[in-house]
Amino acid sequence: MSKYAKTLGIKVVKTMAQTAIGAIGSTALITEVNWAVVASATALSGLTCVLMNLADLKE
């Protein structure tokens, strides 16, 4: 695995974890969590992170 791919993977996982924590933490009780929204937001943040880091590929 290239150094770029490993670094990007770490960034994506951290970003997705932060998004999931934020989405889960925004509800009062764990039973009220809309897991579809959490999954959707988390996936979108991961995709956004990848797209935002494409510029690093040129370096």
N, C-alpha and C. Protein backbone atom coordinates (compact mmCIF):
# COMPACT_ATOMS: atom_id res chain seq x y z
N MET A 1 0.85 -1.17 0.00
CA MET A 1 0.00 0.00 0.00
C MET A 1 0.90 1.24 0.00
N SER A 2 0.57 2.18 -0.83
CA SER A 2 1.40 3.39 -0.92
C SER A 2 1.22 4.24 0.33
N LYS A 3 2.21 5.08 0.56
CA LYS A 3 2.16 5.98 1.72
C LYS A 3 0.96 6.92 1.61
N TYR A 4 0.68 7.38 0.39
CA TYR A 4 -0.47 8.27 0.18
C TYR A 4 -1.78 7.58 0.55
N ALA A 5 -1.96 6.35 0.10
CA ALA A 5 -3.20 5.62 0.38
C ALA A 5 -3.37 5.37 1.88
N LYS A 6 -2.28 5.04 2.55
CA LYS A 6 -2.35 4.80 3.99
C LYS A 6 -2.72 6.08 4.74
N THR A 7 -2.07 7.18 4.37
CA THR A 7 -2.36 8.47 5.01
C THR A 7 -3.80 8.88 4.75
N LEU A 8 -4.25 8.73 3.52
CA LEU A 8 -5.63 9.08 3.18
C LEU A 8 -6.62 8.21 3.94
N GLY A 9 -6.34 6.92 4.04
CA GLY A 9 -7.21 6.02 4.79
C GLY A 9 -7.37 6.43 6.24
N ILE A 10 -6.27 6.83 6.84
CA ILE A 10 -6.32 7.28 8.24
C ILE A 10 -7.16 8.54 8.36
N LYS A 11 -6.96 9.49 7.44
CA LYS A 11 -7.75 10.73 7.46
C LYS A 11 -9.24 10.44 7.31
N VAL A 12 -9.57 9.55 6.39
CA VAL A 12 -10.98 9.22 6.12
C VAL A 12 -11.62 8.57 7.34
N VAL A 13 -10.93 7.63 7.95
CA VAL A 13 -11.48 6.95 9.13
C VAL A 13 -11.69 7.94 10.27
N LYS A 14 -10.73 8.84 10.49
CA LYS A 14 -10.88 9.84 11.56
C LYS A 14 -12.06 10.77 11.28
N THR A 15 -12.18 11.22 10.04
CA THR A 15 -13.28 12.11 9.67
C THR A 15 -14.63 11.43 9.85
N MET A 16 -14.72 10.18 9.41
CA MET A 16 -15.98 9.45 9.53
C MET A 16 -16.33 9.20 10.99
N ALA A 17 -15.33 8.89 11.81
CA ALA A 17 -15.58 8.68 13.24
C ALA A 17 -16.08 9.96 13.91
N GLN A 18 -15.48 11.08 13.56
CA GLN A 18 -15.91 12.36 14.13
C GLN A 18 -17.35 12.68 13.74
N THR A 19 -17.69 12.40 12.49
CA THR A 19 -19.04 12.65 12.02
C THR A 19 -20.04 11.75 12.75
N ALA A 20 -19.70 10.48 12.89
CA ALA A 20 -20.60 9.55 13.57
C ALA A 20 -20.82 9.96 15.02
N ILE A 21 -19.75 10.36 15.70
CA ILE A 21 -19.88 10.78 17.09
C ILE A 21 -20.76 12.03 17.19
N GLY A 22 -20.57 12.96 16.28
CA GLY A 22 -21.38 14.17 16.27
C GLY A 22 -22.84 13.88 16.01
N ALA A 23 -23.11 13.00 15.05
CA ALA A 23 -24.50 12.67 14.71
C ALA A 23 -25.18 11.90 15.84
N ILE A 24 -24.45 10.98 16.45
CA ILE A 24 -25.02 10.22 17.56
C ILE A 24 -25.20 11.12 18.78
N GLY A 25 -24.22 11.98 19.03
CA GLY A 25 -24.27 12.86 20.20
C GLY A 25 -25.33 13.93 20.12
N SER A 26 -25.87 14.16 18.94
CA SER A 26 -26.88 15.21 18.81
C SER A 26 -28.26 14.76 19.25
N THR A 27 -28.41 13.50 19.61
CA THR A 27 -29.70 13.00 20.12
C THR A 27 -29.60 12.80 21.63
N ALA A 28 -30.73 12.90 22.29
CA ALA A 28 -30.75 12.82 23.74
C ALA A 28 -30.49 11.41 24.26
N LEU A 29 -31.09 10.43 23.62
CA LEU A 29 -30.96 9.05 24.07
C LEU A 29 -30.50 8.16 22.92
N ILE A 30 -29.74 7.14 23.24
CA ILE A 30 -29.22 6.23 22.20
C ILE A 30 -30.36 5.52 21.47
N THR A 31 -31.51 5.37 22.13
CA THR A 31 -32.64 4.71 21.48
C THR A 31 -33.31 5.62 20.46
N GLU A 32 -33.00 6.92 20.50
CA GLU A 32 -33.61 7.86 19.58
C GLU A 32 -32.74 8.15 18.36
N VAL A 33 -31.59 7.50 18.28
CA VAL A 33 -30.66 7.75 17.17
C VAL A 33 -31.26 7.22 15.88
N ASN A 34 -31.28 8.07 14.86
CA ASN A 34 -31.71 7.64 13.54
C ASN A 34 -30.47 7.11 12.83
N TRP A 35 -30.30 5.78 12.87
CA TRP A 35 -29.08 5.16 12.37
C TRP A 35 -28.90 5.34 10.87
N ALA A 36 -29.98 5.49 10.14
CA ALA A 36 -29.88 5.74 8.70
C ALA A 36 -29.24 7.10 8.44
N VAL A 37 -29.61 8.08 9.24
CA VAL A 37 -29.03 9.42 9.11
C VAL A 37 -27.55 9.39 9.50
N VAL A 38 -27.22 8.68 10.57
CA VAL A 38 -25.83 8.57 11.00
C VAL A 38 -24.99 7.92 9.91
N ALA A 39 -25.49 6.82 9.35
CA ALA A 39 -24.75 6.11 8.30
C ALA A 39 -24.59 6.99 7.05
N SER A 40 -25.64 7.67 6.68
CA SER A 40 -25.59 8.53 5.50
C SER A 40 -24.61 9.68 5.69
N ALA A 41 -24.68 10.35 6.82
CA ALA A 41 -23.78 11.47 7.09
C ALA A 41 -22.32 11.00 7.17
N THR A 42 -22.12 9.84 7.77
CA THR A 42 -20.78 9.30 7.91
C THR A 42 -20.19 8.94 6.54
N ALA A 43 -20.98 8.30 5.71
CA ALA A 43 -20.52 7.94 4.36
C ALA A 43 -20.22 9.19 3.54
N LEU A 44 -21.07 10.18 3.64
CA LEU A 44 -20.87 11.42 2.89
C LEU A 44 -19.61 12.14 3.37
N SER A 45 -19.35 12.13 4.66
CA SER A 45 -18.14 12.78 5.16
C SER A 45 -16.89 12.05 4.68
N GLY A 46 -16.97 10.73 4.59
CA GLY A 46 -15.83 9.95 4.07
C GLY A 46 -15.56 10.27 2.61
N LEU A 47 -16.61 10.34 1.82
CA LEU A 47 -16.47 10.68 0.40
C LEU A 47 -15.92 12.10 0.24
N THR A 48 -16.43 13.02 1.02
CA THR A 48 -15.95 14.40 0.97
C THR A 48 -14.48 14.48 1.33
N CYS A 49 -14.07 13.74 2.33
CA CYS A 49 -12.67 13.72 2.73
C CYS A 49 -11.78 13.22 1.60
N VAL A 50 -12.20 12.15 0.93
CA VAL A 50 -11.43 11.62 -0.20
C VAL A 50 -11.33 12.67 -1.30
N LEU A 51 -12.45 13.27 -1.65
CA LEU A 51 -12.45 14.26 -2.73
C LEU A 51 -11.61 15.49 -2.38
N MET A 52 -11.67 15.93 -1.13
CA MET A 52 -10.90 17.09 -0.72
C MET A 52 -9.40 16.81 -0.72
N ASN A 53 -9.01 15.56 -0.61
CA ASN A 53 -7.59 15.21 -0.55
C ASN A 53 -7.05 14.77 -1.90
N LEU A 54 -7.83 14.82 -2.93
CA LEU A 54 -7.33 14.47 -4.26
C LEU A 54 -6.21 15.40 -4.71
N ALA A 55 -6.26 16.62 -4.26
CA ALA A 55 -5.21 17.58 -4.63
C ALA A 55 -3.84 17.11 -4.12
N ASP A 56 -3.81 16.39 -3.01
CA ASP A 56 -2.55 15.88 -2.47
C ASP A 56 -1.94 14.82 -3.36
N LEU A 57 -2.73 14.21 -4.21
CA LEU A 57 -2.25 13.15 -5.09
C LEU A 57 -1.23 13.68 -6.09
N LYS A 58 -1.35 14.93 -6.47
CA LYS A 58 -0.43 15.52 -7.44
C LYS A 58 0.97 15.70 -6.89
N GLU A 59 1.09 15.78 -5.59
CA GLU A 59 2.40 16.04 -4.97
C GLU A 59 3.29 14.84 -4.95
